[in-house]
C-alpha atoms as a PDB file:
ATOM      1  CA  MET A   1      25.028  15.608 -27.121  1.00  0.00           C
ATOM      2  CA  HIS A   2      26.565  16.387 -23.675  1.00  0.00           C
ATOM      3  CA  LEU A   3      26.473  13.116 -21.029  1.00  0.00           C
ATOM      4  CA  ASP A   4      26.179  16.099 -18.419  1.00  0.00           C
ATOM      5  CA  GLN A   5      22.611  16.727 -19.677  1.00  0.00           C
ATOM      6  CA  PRO A   6      19.600  14.920 -18.037  1.00  0.00           C
ATOM      7  CA  LEU A   7      17.019  13.135 -20.509  1.00  0.00           C
ATOM      8  CA  SER A   8      13.859  15.630 -21.233  1.00  0.00           C
ATOM      9  CA  ASP A   9      10.858  14.218 -21.078  1.00  0.00           C
ATOM     10  CA  LYS A  10      10.554  13.773 -24.697  1.00  0.00           C
ATOM     11  CA  GLU A  11      14.393  11.868 -24.860  1.00  0.00           C
ATOM     12  CA  PHE A  12      12.733   9.647 -21.886  1.00  0.00           C
ATOM     13  CA  ASP A  13       9.793   8.333 -24.103  1.00  0.00           C
ATOM     14  CA  GLU A  14      11.704   8.063 -27.131  1.00  0.00           C
ATOM     15  CA  LEU A  15      14.219   5.391 -24.835  1.00  0.00           C
ATOM     16  CA  ASP A  16      10.945   3.779 -23.419  1.00  0.00           C
ATOM     17  CA  LYS A  17       9.299   3.292 -26.513  1.00  0.00           C
ATOM     18  CA  PHE A  18      12.480   1.970 -28.480  1.00  0.00           C
ATOM     19  CA  LEU A  19      13.168  -0.406 -25.212  1.00  0.00           C
ATOM     20  CA  LEU A  20       9.191  -1.664 -25.560  1.00  0.00           C
ATOM     21  CA  SER A  21       9.458  -2.035 -29.145  1.00  0.00           C
ATOM     22  CA  ASP A  22       9.587  -5.427 -31.230  1.00  0.00           C
ATOM     23  CA  ARG A  23      13.425  -4.544 -32.056  1.00  0.00           C
ATOM     24  CA  CYS A  24      14.211  -5.641 -28.193  1.00  0.00           C
ATOM     25  CA  GLY A  25      13.587  -9.004 -27.265  1.00  0.00           C
ATOM     26  CA  ASP A  26      11.513 -10.246 -24.455  1.00  0.00           C
ATOM     27  CA  ASP A  27      14.620 -10.689 -22.223  1.00  0.00           C
ATOM     28  CA  GLY A  28      15.799  -7.209 -22.478  1.00  0.00           C
ATOM     29  CA  MET A  29      15.472  -4.365 -19.850  1.00  0.00           C
ATOM     30  CA  THR A  30      12.458  -2.130 -19.510  1.00  0.00           C
ATOM     31  CA  MET A  31      12.863   1.577 -18.259  1.00  0.00           C
ATOM     32  CA  ASP A  32      12.740   0.826 -14.581  1.00  0.00           C
ATOM     33  CA  SER A  33      14.855  -2.478 -14.821  1.00  0.00           C
ATOM     34  CA  LEU A  34      17.549  -0.201 -16.578  1.00  0.00           C
ATOM     35  CA  HIS A  35      17.381   3.032 -14.394  1.00  0.00           C
ATOM     36  CA  GLY A  36      18.258  -0.242 -11.336  1.00  0.00           C
ATOM     37  CA  TYR A  37      21.373  -1.825 -13.719  1.00  0.00           C
ATOM     38  CA  LEU A  38      22.684   1.685 -13.916  1.00  0.00           C
ATOM     39  CA  THR A  39      22.073   2.735 -10.749  1.00  0.00           C
ATOM     40  CA  ALA A  40      24.417  -0.249  -9.583  1.00  0.00           C
ATOM     41  CA  LEU A  41      26.988   0.139 -11.994  1.00  0.00           C
ATOM     42  CA  ALA A  42      27.066   4.018 -10.944  1.00  0.00           C
ATOM     43  CA  ILE A  43      27.603   3.262  -7.600  1.00  0.00           C
ATOM     44  CA  GLY A  44      29.306   0.179  -7.250  1.00  0.00           C
ATOM     45  CA  PRO A  45      32.762  -0.759  -6.377  1.00  0.00           C
ATOM     46  CA  GLU A  46      34.500  -1.010  -9.833  1.00  0.00           C
ATOM     47  CA  VAL A  47      34.014   0.772 -13.075  1.00  0.00           C
ATOM     48  CA  VAL A  48      32.321  -1.017 -15.602  1.00  0.00           C
ATOM     49  CA  ALA A  49      33.210   0.097 -19.095  1.00  0.00           C
ATOM     50  CA  LEU A  50      30.224   0.508 -21.427  1.00  0.00           C
ATOM     51  CA  PRO A  51      31.130  -2.420 -24.091  1.00  0.00           C
ATOM     52  CA  GLU A  52      30.877  -4.900 -21.097  1.00  0.00           C
ATOM     53  CA  TRP A  53      27.491  -3.728 -19.936  1.00  0.00           C
ATOM     54  CA  LEU A  54      25.388  -2.679 -22.527  1.00  0.00           C
ATOM     55  CA  PRO A  55      25.130  -6.070 -24.094  1.00  0.00           C
ATOM     56  CA  ARG A  56      22.776  -7.145 -21.008  1.00  0.00           C
ATOM     57  CA  VAL A  57      20.368  -4.278 -21.399  1.00  0.00           C
ATOM     58  CA  TRP A  58      19.537  -6.355 -24.552  1.00  0.00           C
ATOM     59  CA  GLY A  59      19.236  -9.566 -23.235  1.00  0.00           C
ATOM     60  CA  SER A  60      21.248 -12.552 -21.900  1.00  0.00           C
ATOM     61  CA  SER A  61      22.753 -13.448 -25.010  1.00  0.00           C
ATOM     62  CA  SER A  62      24.378 -11.512 -28.130  1.00  0.00           C
ATOM     63  CA  GLU A  63      21.607 -12.610 -29.848  1.00  0.00           C
ATOM     64  CA  ASP A  64      19.193 -10.719 -28.343  1.00  0.00           C
ATOM     65  CA  ALA A  65      20.862  -7.527 -29.350  1.00  0.00           C
ATOM     66  CA  PRO A  66      18.760  -5.530 -31.915  1.00  0.00           C
ATOM     67  CA  GLU A  67      19.534  -4.603 -35.575  1.00  0.00           C
ATOM     68  CA  PHE A  68      19.783  -1.200 -35.645  1.00  0.00           C
ATOM     69  CA  LYS A  69      18.512   0.752 -38.764  1.00  0.00           C
ATOM     70  CA  SER A  70      21.889   2.544 -38.915  1.00  0.00           C
ATOM     71  CA  GLY A  71      25.320   3.870 -36.878  1.00  0.00           C
ATOM     72  CA  LYS A  72      23.648   6.741 -36.256  1.00  0.00           C
ATOM     73  CA  GLU A  73      20.631   5.351 -34.686  1.00  0.00           C
ATOM     74  CA  PHE A  74      23.195   2.905 -32.704  1.00  0.00           C
ATOM     75  CA  GLU A  75      24.672   6.235 -31.500  1.00  0.00           C
ATOM     76  CA  ARG A  76      21.428   7.941 -30.503  1.00  0.00           C
ATOM     77  CA  ILE A  77      20.118   5.107 -28.492  1.00  0.00           C
ATOM     78  CA  THR A  78      23.272   4.037 -26.696  1.00  0.00           C
ATOM     79  CA  GLY A  79      23.964   8.011 -25.985  1.00  0.00           C
ATOM     80  CA  LEU A  80      20.349   8.328 -24.404  1.00  0.00           C
ATOM     81  CA  ILE A  81      21.496   5.086 -22.580  1.00  0.00           C
ATOM     82  CA  ALA A  82      24.611   6.819 -21.116  1.00  0.00           C
ATOM     83  CA  ARG A  83      23.155  10.024 -20.232  1.00  0.00           C
ATOM     84  CA  PHE A  84      20.746   8.146 -18.344  1.00  0.00           C
ATOM     85  CA  MET A  85      23.521   6.486 -16.104  1.00  0.00           C
ATOM     86  CA  ASN A  86      24.948   9.731 -15.599  1.00  0.00           C
ATOM     87  CA  GLU A  87      21.867  11.564 -14.771  1.00  0.00           C
ATOM     88  CA  ILE A  88      22.177   9.167 -11.616  1.00  0.00           C
ATOM     89  CA  ALA A  89      25.630   8.880 -10.918  1.00  0.00           C
ATOM     90  CA  VAL A  90      25.483  13.155 -10.866  1.00  0.00           C
ATOM     91  CA  THR A  91      22.538  13.056  -8.220  1.00  0.00           C
ATOM     92  CA  LEU A  92      23.624  10.952  -6.157  1.00  0.00           C
ATOM     93  CA  GLU A  93      26.994  12.478  -6.111  1.00  0.00           C
ATOM     94  CA  VAL A  94      25.563  16.074  -6.079  1.00  0.00           C
ATOM     95  CA  ALA A  95      21.936  15.407  -3.749  1.00  0.00           C
ATOM     96  CA  PRO A  96      22.102  11.589  -2.935  1.00  0.00           C
ATOM     97  CA  LYS A  97      18.667  12.139  -0.841  1.00  0.00           C
ATOM     98  CA  GLU A  98      16.971  13.605  -3.782  1.00  0.00           C
ATOM     99  CA  PHE A  99      17.678  10.279  -5.695  1.00  0.00           C
ATOM    100  CA  GLU A 100      14.531   8.623  -6.605  1.00  0.00           C
ATOM    101  CA  PRO A 101      14.944   5.170  -8.075  1.00  0.00           C
ATOM    102  CA  LEU A 102      12.114   4.691 -11.067  1.00  0.00           C
ATOM    103  CA  PHE A 103       9.585   2.320  -9.249  1.00  0.00           C
ATOM    104  CA  CYS A 104       6.380   1.028 -10.947  1.00  0.00           C
ATOM    105  CA  GLU A 105       3.166   2.267  -9.111  1.00  0.00           C
ATOM    106  CA  HIS A 106      -0.153   0.907  -9.267  1.00  0.00           C
ATOM    107  CA  GLU A 107      -3.100   0.188  -7.317  1.00  0.00           C
ATOM    108  CA  TRP A 108      -4.402  -2.836  -5.060  1.00  0.00           C
ATOM    109  CA  GLN A 109      -7.335  -2.891  -2.885  1.00  0.00           C
ATOM    110  CA  GLY A 110      -8.052   0.694  -3.230  1.00  0.00           C
ATOM    111  CA  ARG A 111      -4.291   1.952  -2.405  1.00  0.00           C
ATOM    112  CA  ALA A 112      -1.736   3.077  -4.441  1.00  0.00           C
ATOM    113  CA  VAL A 113       1.310   0.648  -4.095  1.00  0.00           C
ATOM    114  CA  LEU A 114       4.921   0.296  -5.437  1.00  0.00           C
ATOM    115  CA  ASP A 115       6.277  -2.311  -7.049  1.00  0.00           C
ATOM    116  CA  GLY A 116      10.201  -2.497  -6.875  1.00  0.00           C
ATOM    117  CA  GLU A 117      10.691  -5.802  -8.242  1.00  0.00           C
ATOM    118  CA  ALA A 118      11.517  -4.765 -11.935  1.00  0.00           C
ATOM    119  CA  TRP A 119      14.119  -2.376 -10.519  1.00  0.00           C
ATOM    120  CA  ALA A 120      15.752  -4.506  -7.987  1.00  0.00           C
ATOM    121  CA  TRP A 121      16.166  -7.089 -10.381  1.00  0.00           C
ATOM    122  CA  GLY A 122      18.224  -4.717 -13.087  1.00  0.00           C
ATOM    123  CA  PHE A 123      20.310  -3.963  -9.516  1.00  0.00           C
ATOM    124  CA  TRP A 124      21.011  -7.193  -8.839  1.00  0.00           C
ATOM    125  CA  GLU A 125      22.017  -7.721 -12.563  1.00  0.00           C
ATOM    126  CA  GLY A 126      24.500  -4.747 -12.166  1.00  0.00           C
ATOM    127  CA  MET A 127      25.693  -6.316  -8.807  1.00  0.00           C
ATOM    128  CA  ASN A 128      26.343  -9.467 -10.753  1.00  0.00           C
ATOM    129  CA  LEU A 129      28.356  -8.145 -13.390  1.00  0.00           C
ATOM    130  CA  ARG A 130      30.919  -7.643 -10.369  1.00  0.00           C
ATOM    131  CA  ALA A 131      29.557 -10.146  -8.011  1.00  0.00           C
ATOM    132  CA  ALA A 132      33.535 -10.711  -6.231  1.00  0.00           C
ATOM    133  CA  ALA A 133      33.870  -6.785  -5.580  1.00  0.00           C
ATOM    134  CA  TRP A 134      30.646  -6.511  -4.258  1.00  0.00           C
ATOM    135  CA  GLU A 135      31.767  -9.023  -1.476  1.00  0.00           C
ATOM    136  CA  PRO A 136      32.936  -7.139   1.275  1.00  0.00           C
ATOM    137  CA  ILE A 137      29.311  -4.981   1.387  1.00  0.00           C
ATOM    138  CA  TRP A 138      27.708  -8.673   2.440  1.00  0.00           C
ATOM    139  CA  SER A 139      29.778  -8.720   5.968  1.00  0.00           C
ATOM    140  CA  SER A 140      29.696  -4.820   6.683  1.00  0.00           C
ATOM    141  CA  ASN A 141      27.208  -3.689   8.825  1.00  0.00           C
ATOM    142  CA  ILE A 142      25.510  -2.048   5.951  1.00  0.00           C
ATOM    143  CA  ALA A 143      24.361  -5.804   4.787  1.00  0.00           C
ATOM    144  CA  PRO A 144      20.696  -5.781   5.810  1.00  0.00           C
ATOM    145  CA  LEU A 145      20.287  -2.747   3.630  1.00  0.00           C
ATOM    146  CA  LEU A 146      20.751  -5.037   0.546  1.00  0.00           C
ATOM    147  CA  ARG A 147      18.093  -7.357   1.565  1.00  0.00           C
ATOM    148  CA  PRO A 148      15.241  -5.848   0.127  1.00  0.00           C
ATOM    149  CA  ILE A 149      17.327  -5.746  -3.404  1.00  0.00           C
ATOM    150  CA  TYR A 150      17.857  -9.464  -2.890  1.00  0.00           C
ATOM    151  CA  LEU A 151      14.118 -10.622  -1.930  1.00  0.00           C
ATOM    152  CA  LEU A 152      12.851  -8.301  -4.853  1.00  0.00           C
ATOM    153  CA  GLY A 153      15.504  -9.081  -7.610  1.00  0.00           C
ATOM    154  CA  ALA A 154      17.069 -11.953  -7.014  1.00  0.00           C
ATOM    155  CA  GLU A 155      15.893 -14.616  -9.596  1.00  0.00           C
ATOM    156  CA  GLU A 156      16.022 -17.196  -7.009  1.00  0.00           C
ATOM    157  CA  ILE A 157      15.581 -17.000  -3.018  1.00  0.00           C
ATOM    158  CA  GLU A 158      14.933 -19.247  -0.741  1.00  0.00           C
ATOM    159  CA  GLU A 159      11.326 -21.321  -0.218  1.00  0.00           C
ATOM    160  CA  GLU A 160      10.627 -19.532   3.539  1.00  0.00           C
ATOM    161  CA  GLU A 161      11.382 -16.475   2.105  1.00  0.00           C
ATOM    162  CA  MET A 162       8.775 -16.376  -0.325  1.00  0.00           C
ATOM    163  CA  ALA A 163       6.325 -14.894   2.672  1.00  0.00           C
ATOM    164  CA  LEU A 164       8.254 -12.256   2.685  1.00  0.00           C
ATOM    165  CA  VAL A 165       7.310 -11.287  -0.983  1.00  0.00           C
ATOM    166  CA  ASP A 166       3.522 -12.944  -1.710  1.00  0.00           C
ATOM    167  CA  ASP A 167       1.477  -9.998  -1.787  1.00  0.00           C
ATOM    168  CA  PRO A 168       1.600  -6.369  -3.069  1.00  0.00           C
ATOM    169  CA  VAL A 169       1.764  -4.526   0.132  1.00  0.00           C
ATOM    170  CA  LYS A 170       4.766  -6.731   1.606  1.00  0.00           C
ATOM    171  CA  CYS A 171       6.436  -5.983  -2.101  1.00  0.00           C
ATOM    172  CA  HIS A 172       5.695  -1.958  -0.978  1.00  0.00           C
ATOM    173  CA  ARG A 173       7.529  -1.979   2.160  1.00  0.00           C
ATOM    174  CA  LEU A 174      10.651  -3.723   0.677  1.00  0.00           C
ATOM    175  CA  THR A 175      10.304  -1.297  -1.973  1.00  0.00           C
ATOM    176  CA  VAL A 176      10.098   1.592   0.118  1.00  0.00           C
ATOM    177  CA  GLU A 177      13.250   0.394   2.462  1.00  0.00           C
ATOM    178  CA  ILE A 178      15.128  -0.110  -0.962  1.00  0.00           C
ATOM    179  CA  GLU A 179      14.685   3.959  -1.516  1.00  0.00           C
ATOM    180  CA  ALA A 180      16.338   4.483   1.466  1.00  0.00           C
ATOM    181  CA  ALA A 181      19.231   2.058   0.891  1.00  0.00           C
ATOM    182  CA  ILE A 182      20.648   3.717  -2.071  1.00  0.00           C
ATOM    183  CA  PRO A 183      22.169   6.755  -0.490  1.00  0.00           C
ATOM    184  CA  GLU A 184      23.817   4.274   2.027  1.00  0.00           C
ATOM    185  CA  ILE A 185      25.435   1.941  -0.212  1.00  0.00           C
ATOM    186  CA  HIS A 186      26.549   4.687  -2.347  1.00  0.00           C
ATOM    187  CA  ARG A 187      28.240   6.108   0.295  1.00  0.00           C
ATOM    188  CA  PHE A 188      29.670   2.751   1.424  1.00  0.00           C
ATOM    189  CA  TRP A 189      31.604   2.860  -2.015  1.00  0.00           C
ATOM    190  CA  LEU A 190      32.442   5.846  -2.515  1.00  0.00           C
ATOM    191  CA  PRO A 191      35.675   5.748  -1.086  1.00  0.00           C
ATOM    192  CA  HIS A 192      36.575   2.728  -3.163  1.00  0.00           C
ATOM    193  CA  ARG A 193      35.733   4.438  -6.742  1.00  0.00           C
ATOM    194  CA  LYS A 194      36.727   7.139  -8.617  1.00  0.00           C
ATOM    195  CA  SER A 195      34.080  10.206  -9.233  1.00  0.00           C
ATOM    196  CA  PRO A 196      30.981   8.464 -10.988  1.00  0.00           C
ATOM    197  CA  VAL A 197      30.285  11.266 -13.170  1.00  0.00           C
ATOM    198  CA  ALA A 198      33.812  11.270 -14.735  1.00  0.00           C
ATOM    199  CA  THR A 199      33.795   7.541 -14.928  1.00  0.00           C
ATOM    200  CA  VAL A 200      30.788   7.431 -16.838  1.00  0.00           C
ATOM    201  CA  GLN A 201      31.889   9.821 -19.520  1.00  0.00           C
ATOM    202  CA  ARG A 202      34.830   7.710 -20.242  1.00  0.00           C
ATOM    203  CA  ASN A 203      32.915   4.874 -20.479  1.00  0.00           C
ATOM    204  CA  ALA A 204      31.526   6.033 -23.985  1.00  0.00           C
ATOM    205  CA  PRO A 205      34.445   6.258 -26.584  1.00  0.00           C
ATOM    206  CA  LYS A 206      33.839   6.716 -29.932  1.00  0.00           C
ATOM    207  CA  THR A 207      34.123   2.888 -31.301  1.00  0.00           C
ATOM    208  CA  GLY A 208      36.430   2.223 -34.101  1.00  0.00           C
ATOM    209  CA  ARG A 209      35.150   0.638 -37.391  1.00  0.00           C
ATOM    210  CA  ASN A 210      36.879  -2.221 -36.338  1.00  0.00           C
ATOM    211  CA  ASP A 211      36.340  -2.565 -32.935  1.00  0.00           C
ATOM    212  CA  PRO A 212      33.717  -5.192 -31.951  1.00  0.00           C
ATOM    213  CA  CYS A 213      30.670  -3.561 -31.873  1.00  0.00           C
ATOM    214  CA  PRO A 214      29.149  -2.804 -28.596  1.00  0.00           C
ATOM    215  CA  CYS A 215      26.151  -3.464 -29.159  1.00  0.00           C
ATOM    216  CA  GLY A 216      27.508  -7.378 -28.354  1.00  0.00           C
ATOM    217  CA  SER A 217      26.403  -9.009 -31.763  1.00  0.00           C
ATOM    218  CA  GLY A 218      30.424 -10.312 -32.077  1.00  0.00           C
ATOM    219  CA  LYS A 219      30.864  -8.321 -35.635  1.00  0.00           C
ATOM    220  CA  LYS A 220      32.903  -5.879 -36.386  1.00  0.00           C
ATOM    221  CA  PHE A 221      31.309  -2.313 -35.742  1.00  0.00           C
ATOM    222  CA  LYS A 222      31.197  -1.404 -39.477  1.00  0.00           C
ATOM    223  CA  MET A 223      29.792  -4.636 -40.439  1.00  0.00           C
ATOM    224  CA  CYS A 224      27.063  -4.288 -37.668  1.00  0.00           C
ATOM    225  CA  CYS A 225      25.680  -1.008 -36.188  1.00  0.00           C
ATOM    226  CA  GLY A 226      28.512   1.253 -38.108  1.00  0.00           C
ATOM    227  CA  ALA A 227      27.437  -0.080 -41.782  1.00  0.00           C
ATOM    228  CA  GLU A 228      25.547   2.291 -43.729  1.00  0.00           C
ATOM    229  CA  PRO A 229      22.233   1.533 -44.298  1.00  0.00           C
ATOM    230  CA  ALA A 230      21.251  -0.252 -47.961  1.00  0.00           C
ATOM    231  CA  LEU A 231      20.087   1.892 -50.485  1.00  0.00           C
ATOM    232  CA  HIS A 232      16.464   0.662 -51.810  1.00  0.00           C
END
């Protein structure tokens, strides 16, 4: 499996199905929130290693990590996630104007509207992994571009701001603003970080059997996802 290969439709569906399955907790990410999360990690000011960011995909605590059937399944799913991230990084590096956030779309009062709430929440979670490093952007000239992400993605917003997100059309407009903002945010941080493509390729080293399991359980890899499946 090569990190520079984008996910096929079949692989996309495979990952989607896994994230939506009972194996993953209610607090885990779906494909749209995962896309937002990985985008923040791919374009942000600091490189975050996979063992640090992967556990948040499953939920807010180590208890949310799924029980993989085998080390092979763990490697398969994390490999798909790493390639999903690399696909984002490659697009933004090579053709940023072609980047498309993975938004939900539904019908409201006879018109199609975009819903970027889950995507923005994922992006916000990615920012919060390095909140201090992201701080300079809030005092920059592109700070207003982050406002739609904040309004749709933050866990809490001010009471007076609720009127800005209280119907699907308003949320649709904010969602459209997010798509236009991402290339600008990417451009802002680009001088401050190394090539995002190379970064992602280094983010997924082979886990040693005595290393902490990247799934976030706190156990050694050989006692967790790297354990041989029991014979029945």
